Amino acid sequence: MRGIFITIEGIEGSGKSTVAERIHEMAVGAGIEAVLTREPGGTEISEKIRTLLLDPQNRSLSPLAELFLYLASRAQLVDEVIEPKLSSGVMVICDRFMDASVAYQGFARHLGEELIEELNKLAVRDAEPDVTFLLDLPVEAGFERGPISRDARGIASMDRLEQEERSFHEDVRRGYIRLAERHSERVFVIDATRPLGEVIDSVISILEHKFGLDLKKK
């Protein structure tokens, strides 16, 4: 039986990584074989692309070049990790995936959501998410949570995308909301202004109801 593919999306500071980690912990604790990965990244090649994409010194990277790098990283992750695991019946939880390019490059970079969705089909093929959780909160609230990234020494810093103007991140949020409206059968919008425990409870409740899982087992 094919595994369940879960993706977590949201603007900077929405708590995606923490929620993804918690889903993985609860799945493993319930005896479900699961892997946690991220985008861009998740493989040796994709992590190298991630470094290039997020390096603050690469401010001159064009929107189209940025898009193709994300697609390359995504295609590698699908081929090397996501598709093999799903085919083996393993649950895959991914911190960001194809919807991020629709919001960031399609909407905020003005390359067009329809174009991005078509290119995504080439990169992901049959590995489309079964369910996506969009952790939504105001941009200001996301950035008030403090420095989001850390460098190799563990020092807090802001990556290339985090350094964009607030208007860019407002566009990203609007892009995500519009995407959720277009794909309401797959994308669940979660109010991420609430305490983390409540956010996780909402996500787990949806997963249990939608897939008949019991993630609260010890």
C-alpha atoms as a PDB file:
ATOM      1  CA  MET A   1       0.000   0.000   0.000  1.00  0.00           C
ATOM      2  CA  ARG A   2       1.295   3.448  -0.926  1.00  0.00           C
ATOM      3  CA  GLY A   3       2.400   5.693   1.912  1.00  0.00           C
ATOM      4  CA  ILE A   4       0.722   8.962   2.929  1.00  0.00           C
ATOM      5  CA  PHE A   5       2.397  12.150   1.733  1.00  0.00           C
ATOM      6  CA  ILE A   6       1.968  15.143   4.079  1.00  0.00           C
ATOM      7  CA  THR A   7       3.335  18.627   3.375  1.00  0.00           C
ATOM      8  CA  ILE A   8       3.505  21.640   5.672  1.00  0.00           C
ATOM      9  CA  GLU A   9       3.463  25.137   4.193  1.00  0.00           C
ATOM     10  CA  GLY A  10       3.455  28.709   5.481  1.00  0.00           C
ATOM     11  CA  ILE A  11       5.249  32.017   5.547  1.00  0.00           C
ATOM     12  CA  GLU A  12       8.478  32.602   7.452  1.00  0.00           C
ATOM     13  CA  GLY A  13       8.037  32.077  11.187  1.00  0.00           C
ATOM     14  CA  SER A  14       4.787  30.139  10.908  1.00  0.00           C
ATOM     15  CA  GLY A  15       6.135  27.130  12.803  1.00  0.00           C
ATOM     16  CA  LYS A  16       6.280  24.710   9.867  1.00  0.00           C
ATOM     17  CA  SER A  17       9.409  22.881  10.916  1.00  0.00           C
ATOM     18  CA  THR A  18       8.221  22.371  14.491  1.00  0.00           C
ATOM     19  CA  VAL A  19       4.847  21.023  13.357  1.00  0.00           C
ATOM     20  CA  ALA A  20       6.481  18.734  10.785  1.00  0.00           C
ATOM     21  CA  GLU A  21       8.840  17.378  13.443  1.00  0.00           C
ATOM     22  CA  ARG A  22       5.946  16.765  15.840  1.00  0.00           C
ATOM     23  CA  ILE A  23       3.904  14.867  13.234  1.00  0.00           C
ATOM     24  CA  HIS A  24       6.930  12.690  12.550  1.00  0.00           C
ATOM     25  CA  GLU A  25       7.508  12.030  16.255  1.00  0.00           C
ATOM     26  CA  MET A  26       3.861  11.080  16.821  1.00  0.00           C
ATOM     27  CA  ALA A  27       3.732   8.845  13.745  1.00  0.00           C
ATOM     28  CA  VAL A  28       6.862   6.953  14.801  1.00  0.00           C
ATOM     29  CA  GLY A  29       5.535   6.744  18.358  1.00  0.00           C
ATOM     30  CA  ALA A  30       2.344   5.194  17.018  1.00  0.00           C
ATOM     31  CA  GLY A  31       4.322   2.529  15.191  1.00  0.00           C
ATOM     32  CA  ILE A  32       4.003   4.086  11.735  1.00  0.00           C
ATOM     33  CA  GLU A  33       7.083   4.027   9.531  1.00  0.00           C
ATOM     34  CA  ALA A  34       7.683   7.651   8.566  1.00  0.00           C
ATOM     35  CA  VAL A  35      10.414   9.924   7.244  1.00  0.00           C
ATOM     36  CA  LEU A  36      10.816  13.669   7.683  1.00  0.00           C
ATOM     37  CA  THR A  37      12.397  15.782   4.963  1.00  0.00           C
ATOM     38  CA  ARG A  38      12.475  19.376   3.799  1.00  0.00           C
ATOM     39  CA  GLU A  39      12.427  21.562   0.739  1.00  0.00           C
ATOM     40  CA  PRO A  40      14.688  22.808  -0.661  1.00  0.00           C
ATOM     41  CA  GLY A  41      17.002  20.082   0.581  1.00  0.00           C
ATOM     42  CA  GLY A  42      16.573  16.548   1.806  1.00  0.00           C
ATOM     43  CA  THR A  43      19.347  14.990  -0.309  1.00  0.00           C
ATOM     44  CA  GLU A  44      23.047  15.740  -0.698  1.00  0.00           C
ATOM     45  CA  ILE A  45      22.478  17.431  -4.067  1.00  0.00           C
ATOM     46  CA  SER A  46      19.341  19.261  -2.961  1.00  0.00           C
ATOM     47  CA  GLU A  47      21.066  20.596   0.165  1.00  0.00           C
ATOM     48  CA  LYS A  48      23.785  22.087  -2.041  1.00  0.00           C
ATOM     49  CA  ILE A  49      21.088  23.796  -4.097  1.00  0.00           C
ATOM     50  CA  ARG A  50      19.492  25.009  -0.856  1.00  0.00           C
ATOM     51  CA  THR A  51      22.746  26.653   0.197  1.00  0.00           C
ATOM     52  CA  LEU A  52      22.930  28.453  -3.138  1.00  0.00           C
ATOM     53  CA  LEU A  53      19.300  29.572  -2.981  1.00  0.00           C
ATOM     54  CA  LEU A  54      19.360  30.905   0.567  1.00  0.00           C
ATOM     55  CA  ASP A  55      22.816  32.503   0.614  1.00  0.00           C
ATOM     56  CA  PRO A  56      22.245  36.233   1.329  1.00  0.00           C
ATOM     57  CA  GLN A  57      25.157  37.064  -0.989  1.00  0.00           C
ATOM     58  CA  ASN A  58      23.203  35.776  -3.990  1.00  0.00           C
ATOM     59  CA  ARG A  59      20.915  38.797  -4.161  1.00  0.00           C
ATOM     60  CA  SER A  60      21.311  39.024  -7.943  1.00  0.00           C
ATOM     61  CA  LEU A  61      19.680  35.621  -8.542  1.00  0.00           C
ATOM     62  CA  SER A  62      16.909  36.188 -11.079  1.00  0.00           C
ATOM     63  CA  PRO A  63      13.334  35.026 -10.368  1.00  0.00           C
ATOM     64  CA  LEU A  64      13.449  32.521 -13.236  1.00  0.00           C
ATOM     65  CA  ALA A  65      16.832  31.117 -12.189  1.00  0.00           C
ATOM     66  CA  GLU A  66      15.510  30.888  -8.620  1.00  0.00           C
ATOM     67  CA  LEU A  67      12.487  28.934  -9.839  1.00  0.00           C
ATOM     68  CA  PHE A  68      14.537  26.451 -11.840  1.00  0.00           C
ATOM     69  CA  LEU A  69      16.836  25.834  -8.883  1.00  0.00           C
ATOM     70  CA  TYR A  70      13.849  25.056  -6.661  1.00  0.00           C
ATOM     71  CA  LEU A  71      12.457  22.721  -9.319  1.00  0.00           C
ATOM     72  CA  ALA A  72      15.811  20.959  -9.640  1.00  0.00           C
ATOM     73  CA  SER A  73      16.049  20.465  -5.894  1.00  0.00           C
ATOM     74  CA  ARG A  74      12.450  19.209  -5.833  1.00  0.00           C
ATOM     75  CA  ALA A  75      12.947  16.737  -8.679  1.00  0.00           C
ATOM     76  CA  GLN A  76      16.027  15.285  -6.956  1.00  0.00           C
ATOM     77  CA  LEU A  77      14.188  14.946  -3.647  1.00  0.00           C
ATOM     78  CA  VAL A  78      11.255  13.210  -5.351  1.00  0.00           C
ATOM     79  CA  ASP A  79      13.503  10.757  -7.214  1.00  0.00           C
ATOM     80  CA  GLU A  80      15.829   9.993  -4.330  1.00  0.00           C
ATOM     81  CA  VAL A  81      13.567  10.079  -1.270  1.00  0.00           C
ATOM     82  CA  ILE A  82       9.880  10.851  -1.652  1.00  0.00           C
ATOM     83  CA  GLU A  83       8.787   8.484  -4.431  1.00  0.00           C
ATOM     84  CA  PRO A  84      10.818   5.465  -3.227  1.00  0.00           C
ATOM     85  CA  LYS A  85       9.505   5.867   0.327  1.00  0.00           C
ATOM     86  CA  LEU A  86       5.884   6.338  -0.730  1.00  0.00           C
ATOM     87  CA  SER A  87       6.109   3.321  -3.030  1.00  0.00           C
ATOM     88  CA  SER A  88       7.343   1.276  -0.066  1.00  0.00           C
ATOM     89  CA  GLY A  89       4.350   2.296   2.040  1.00  0.00           C
ATOM     90  CA  VAL A  90       6.248   4.793   4.193  1.00  0.00           C
ATOM     91  CA  MET A  91       4.642   8.028   5.401  1.00  0.00           C
ATOM     92  CA  VAL A  92       6.535  11.095   4.142  1.00  0.00           C
ATOM     93  CA  ILE A  93       6.325  14.447   5.933  1.00  0.00           C
ATOM     94  CA  CYS A  94       7.881  17.360   4.045  1.00  0.00           C
ATOM     95  CA  ASP A  95       8.577  20.844   5.391  1.00  0.00           C
ATOM     96  CA  ARG A  96       7.528  22.837   2.290  1.00  0.00           C
ATOM     97  CA  PHE A  97       7.037  21.349  -1.163  1.00  0.00           C
ATOM     98  CA  MET A  98       5.549  22.295  -4.526  1.00  0.00           C
ATOM     99  CA  ASP A  99       3.031  24.832  -3.171  1.00  0.00           C
ATOM    100  CA  ALA A 100       5.877  27.011  -1.923  1.00  0.00           C
ATOM    101  CA  SER A 101       6.929  27.741  -5.509  1.00  0.00           C
ATOM    102  CA  VAL A 102       3.370  28.740  -6.414  1.00  0.00           C
ATOM    103  CA  ALA A 103       3.287  31.236  -3.537  1.00  0.00           C
ATOM    104  CA  TYR A 104       6.871  32.501  -3.684  1.00  0.00           C
ATOM    105  CA  GLN A 105       7.835  32.394  -7.355  1.00  0.00           C
ATOM    106  CA  GLY A 106       4.413  32.284  -8.971  1.00  0.00           C
ATOM    107  CA  PHE A 107       2.664  34.935  -6.908  1.00  0.00           C
ATOM    108  CA  ALA A 108       5.284  37.015  -5.069  1.00  0.00           C
ATOM    109  CA  ARG A 109       7.842  36.919  -7.928  1.00  0.00           C
ATOM    110  CA  HIS A 110       5.022  37.418 -10.469  1.00  0.00           C
ATOM    111  CA  LEU A 111       5.974  34.474 -12.689  1.00  0.00           C
ATOM    112  CA  GLY A 112       2.382  33.230 -12.728  1.00  0.00           C
ATOM    113  CA  GLU A 113       0.766  30.539 -10.628  1.00  0.00           C
ATOM    114  CA  GLU A 114      -0.438  28.527 -13.622  1.00  0.00           C
ATOM    115  CA  LEU A 115       3.080  28.345 -15.081  1.00  0.00           C
ATOM    116  CA  ILE A 116       4.496  27.142 -11.770  1.00  0.00           C
ATOM    117  CA  GLU A 117       1.830  24.484 -11.368  1.00  0.00           C
ATOM    118  CA  GLU A 118       2.583  23.121 -14.831  1.00  0.00           C
ATOM    119  CA  LEU A 119       6.329  23.007 -14.158  1.00  0.00           C
ATOM    120  CA  ASN A 120       5.676  21.399 -10.789  1.00  0.00           C
ATOM    121  CA  LYS A 121       3.980  18.511 -12.568  1.00  0.00           C
ATOM    122  CA  LEU A 122       7.243  17.782 -14.382  1.00  0.00           C
ATOM    123  CA  ALA A 123       9.243  17.907 -11.155  1.00  0.00           C
ATOM    124  CA  VAL A 124       6.951  15.858  -8.897  1.00  0.00           C
ATOM    125  CA  ARG A 125       5.154  13.597 -11.394  1.00  0.00           C
ATOM    126  CA  ASP A 126       3.029  11.191  -9.302  1.00  0.00           C
ATOM    127  CA  ALA A 127       4.380  12.377  -5.953  1.00  0.00           C
ATOM    128  CA  GLU A 128       1.715  14.981  -5.194  1.00  0.00           C
ATOM    129  CA  PRO A 129       0.766  15.512  -1.537  1.00  0.00           C
ATOM    130  CA  ASP A 130      -2.234  13.683  -0.126  1.00  0.00           C
ATOM    131  CA  VAL A 131      -2.787  16.513   2.330  1.00  0.00           C
ATOM    132  CA  THR A 132      -1.201  19.916   2.896  1.00  0.00           C
ATOM    133  CA  PHE A 133      -1.390  22.031   6.037  1.00  0.00           C
ATOM    134  CA  LEU A 134      -1.025  25.776   5.497  1.00  0.00           C
ATOM    135  CA  LEU A 135      -0.002  27.393   8.768  1.00  0.00           C
ATOM    136  CA  ASP A 136      -1.369  30.899   8.375  1.00  0.00           C
ATOM    137  CA  LEU A 137      -0.542  33.976  10.410  1.00  0.00           C
ATOM    138  CA  PRO A 138       0.151  37.681   9.732  1.00  0.00           C
ATOM    139  CA  VAL A 139       3.612  38.448   8.366  1.00  0.00           C
ATOM    140  CA  GLU A 140       4.390  40.758  11.285  1.00  0.00           C
ATOM    141  CA  ALA A 141       3.579  37.993  13.763  1.00  0.00           C
ATOM    142  CA  GLY A 142       5.911  35.594  11.943  1.00  0.00           C
ATOM    143  CA  PHE A 143       8.855  37.940  12.111  1.00  0.00           C
ATOM    144  CA  GLU A 144       8.162  38.890  15.729  1.00  0.00           C
ATOM    145  CA  ARG A 145       8.982  35.321  16.689  1.00  0.00           C
ATOM    146  CA  GLY A 146      12.655  36.160  16.279  1.00  0.00           C
ATOM    147  CA  PRO A 147      15.526  35.152  13.959  1.00  0.00           C
ATOM    148  CA  ILE A 148      14.413  32.226  11.850  1.00  0.00           C
ATOM    149  CA  SER A 149      17.626  30.769  10.403  1.00  0.00           C
ATOM    150  CA  ARG A 150      20.982  29.835  11.873  1.00  0.00           C
ATOM    151  CA  ASP A 151      24.316  29.607  10.132  1.00  0.00           C
ATOM    152  CA  ALA A 152      26.782  26.708  10.317  1.00  0.00           C
ATOM    153  CA  ARG A 153      27.993  27.959  13.707  1.00  0.00           C
ATOM    154  CA  GLY A 154      24.452  28.096  15.107  1.00  0.00           C
ATOM    155  CA  ILE A 155      24.353  31.898  15.061  1.00  0.00           C
ATOM    156  CA  ALA A 156      20.963  33.433  14.300  1.00  0.00           C
ATOM    157  CA  SER A 157      20.782  35.097  10.899  1.00  0.00           C
ATOM    158  CA  MET A 158      18.366  35.848   8.080  1.00  0.00           C
ATOM    159  CA  ASP A 159      18.632  34.028   4.767  1.00  0.00           C
ATOM    160  CA  ARG A 160      18.167  35.563   1.313  1.00  0.00           C
ATOM    161  CA  LEU A 161      14.382  35.161   1.284  1.00  0.00           C
ATOM    162  CA  GLU A 162      13.906  36.230   4.891  1.00  0.00           C
ATOM    163  CA  GLN A 163      15.715  39.478   4.007  1.00  0.00           C
ATOM    164  CA  GLU A 164      13.093  40.391   1.395  1.00  0.00           C
ATOM    165  CA  GLU A 165      10.818  43.387   2.014  1.00  0.00           C
ATOM    166  CA  ARG A 166       7.706  42.845   4.118  1.00  0.00           C
ATOM    167  CA  SER A 167       5.597  43.521   1.018  1.00  0.00           C
ATOM    168  CA  PHE A 168       7.145  40.435  -0.605  1.00  0.00           C
ATOM    169  CA  HIS A 169       6.134  38.264   2.337  1.00  0.00           C
ATOM    170  CA  GLU A 170       2.636  39.765   2.312  1.00  0.00           C
ATOM    171  CA  ASP A 171       2.388  38.682  -1.337  1.00  0.00           C
ATOM    172  CA  VAL A 172       3.581  35.194  -0.388  1.00  0.00           C
ATOM    173  CA  ARG A 173       0.842  34.947   2.228  1.00  0.00           C
ATOM    174  CA  ARG A 174      -1.800  36.110  -0.247  1.00  0.00           C
ATOM    175  CA  GLY A 175      -0.509  33.568  -2.750  1.00  0.00           C
ATOM    176  CA  TYR A 176      -0.813  30.775  -0.206  1.00  0.00           C
ATOM    177  CA  ILE A 177      -4.373  31.777   0.694  1.00  0.00           C
ATOM    178  CA  ARG A 178      -5.410  31.891  -2.939  1.00  0.00           C
ATOM    179  CA  LEU A 179      -3.812  28.499  -3.542  1.00  0.00           C
ATOM    180  CA  ALA A 180      -5.681  27.057  -0.556  1.00  0.00           C
ATOM    181  CA  GLU A 181      -8.953  28.348  -1.972  1.00  0.00           C
ATOM    182  CA  ARG A 182      -8.214  26.725  -5.342  1.00  0.00           C
ATOM    183  CA  HIS A 183      -7.222  23.395  -3.786  1.00  0.00           C
ATOM    184  CA  SER A 184      -9.523  23.262  -0.769  1.00  0.00           C
ATOM    185  CA  GLU A 185      -9.909  19.481  -1.095  1.00  0.00           C
ATOM    186  CA  ARG A 186      -6.206  19.059  -0.274  1.00  0.00           C
ATOM    187  CA  VAL A 187      -5.049  22.186   1.547  1.00  0.00           C
ATOM    188  CA  PHE A 188      -6.224  22.802   5.114  1.00  0.00           C
ATOM    189  CA  VAL A 189      -5.654  26.299   6.498  1.00  0.00           C
ATOM    190  CA  ILE A 190      -4.585  26.230  10.147  1.00  0.00           C
ATOM    191  CA  ASP A 191      -4.636  29.359  12.328  1.00  0.00           C
ATOM    192  CA  ALA A 192      -0.995  29.550  13.393  1.00  0.00           C
ATOM    193  CA  THR A 193      -1.532  32.521  15.724  1.00  0.00           C
ATOM    194  CA  ARG A 194      -2.804  30.060  18.328  1.00  0.00           C
ATOM    195  CA  PRO A 195      -0.529  28.309  20.842  1.00  0.00           C
ATOM    196  CA  LEU A 196       1.644  25.615  19.271  1.00  0.00           C
ATOM    197  CA  GLY A 197      -0.144  22.818  21.123  1.00  0.00           C
ATOM    198  CA  GLU A 198      -3.485  23.852  19.661  1.00  0.00           C
ATOM    199  CA  VAL A 199      -2.011  24.051  16.164  1.00  0.00           C
ATOM    200  CA  ILE A 200      -0.580  20.544  16.458  1.00  0.00           C
ATOM    201  CA  ASP A 201      -3.857  19.207  17.881  1.00  0.00           C
ATOM    202  CA  SER A 202      -5.743  20.601  14.863  1.00  0.00           C
ATOM    203  CA  VAL A 203      -3.311  19.016  12.416  1.00  0.00           C
ATOM    204  CA  ILE A 204      -3.367  15.642  14.175  1.00  0.00           C
ATOM    205  CA  SER A 205      -7.171  15.667  14.354  1.00  0.00           C
ATOM    206  CA  ILE A 206      -7.433  16.193  10.591  1.00  0.00           C
ATOM    207  CA  LEU A 207      -4.884  13.452   9.872  1.00  0.00           C
ATOM    208  CA  GLU A 208      -6.667  10.977  12.117  1.00  0.00           C
ATOM    209  CA  HIS A 209     -10.069  11.741  10.596  1.00  0.00           C
ATOM    210  CA  LYS A 210      -8.919  11.845   6.970  1.00  0.00           C
ATOM    211  CA  PHE A 211      -6.739   8.723   6.977  1.00  0.00           C
ATOM    212  CA  GLY A 212      -8.147   6.699   9.879  1.00  0.00           C
ATOM    213  CA  LEU A 213      -4.907   7.010  11.835  1.00  0.00           C
ATOM    214  CA  ASP A 214      -4.391   6.891  15.592  1.00  0.00           C
ATOM    215  CA  LEU A 215      -1.394   9.114  16.267  1.00  0.00           C
ATOM    216  CA  LYS A 216      -1.892   9.384  20.019  1.00  0.00           C
ATOM    217  CA  LYS A 217      -0.694   5.863  20.787  1.00  0.00           C
ATOM    218  CA  LYS A 218       2.358   5.605  23.007  1.00  0.00           C
END
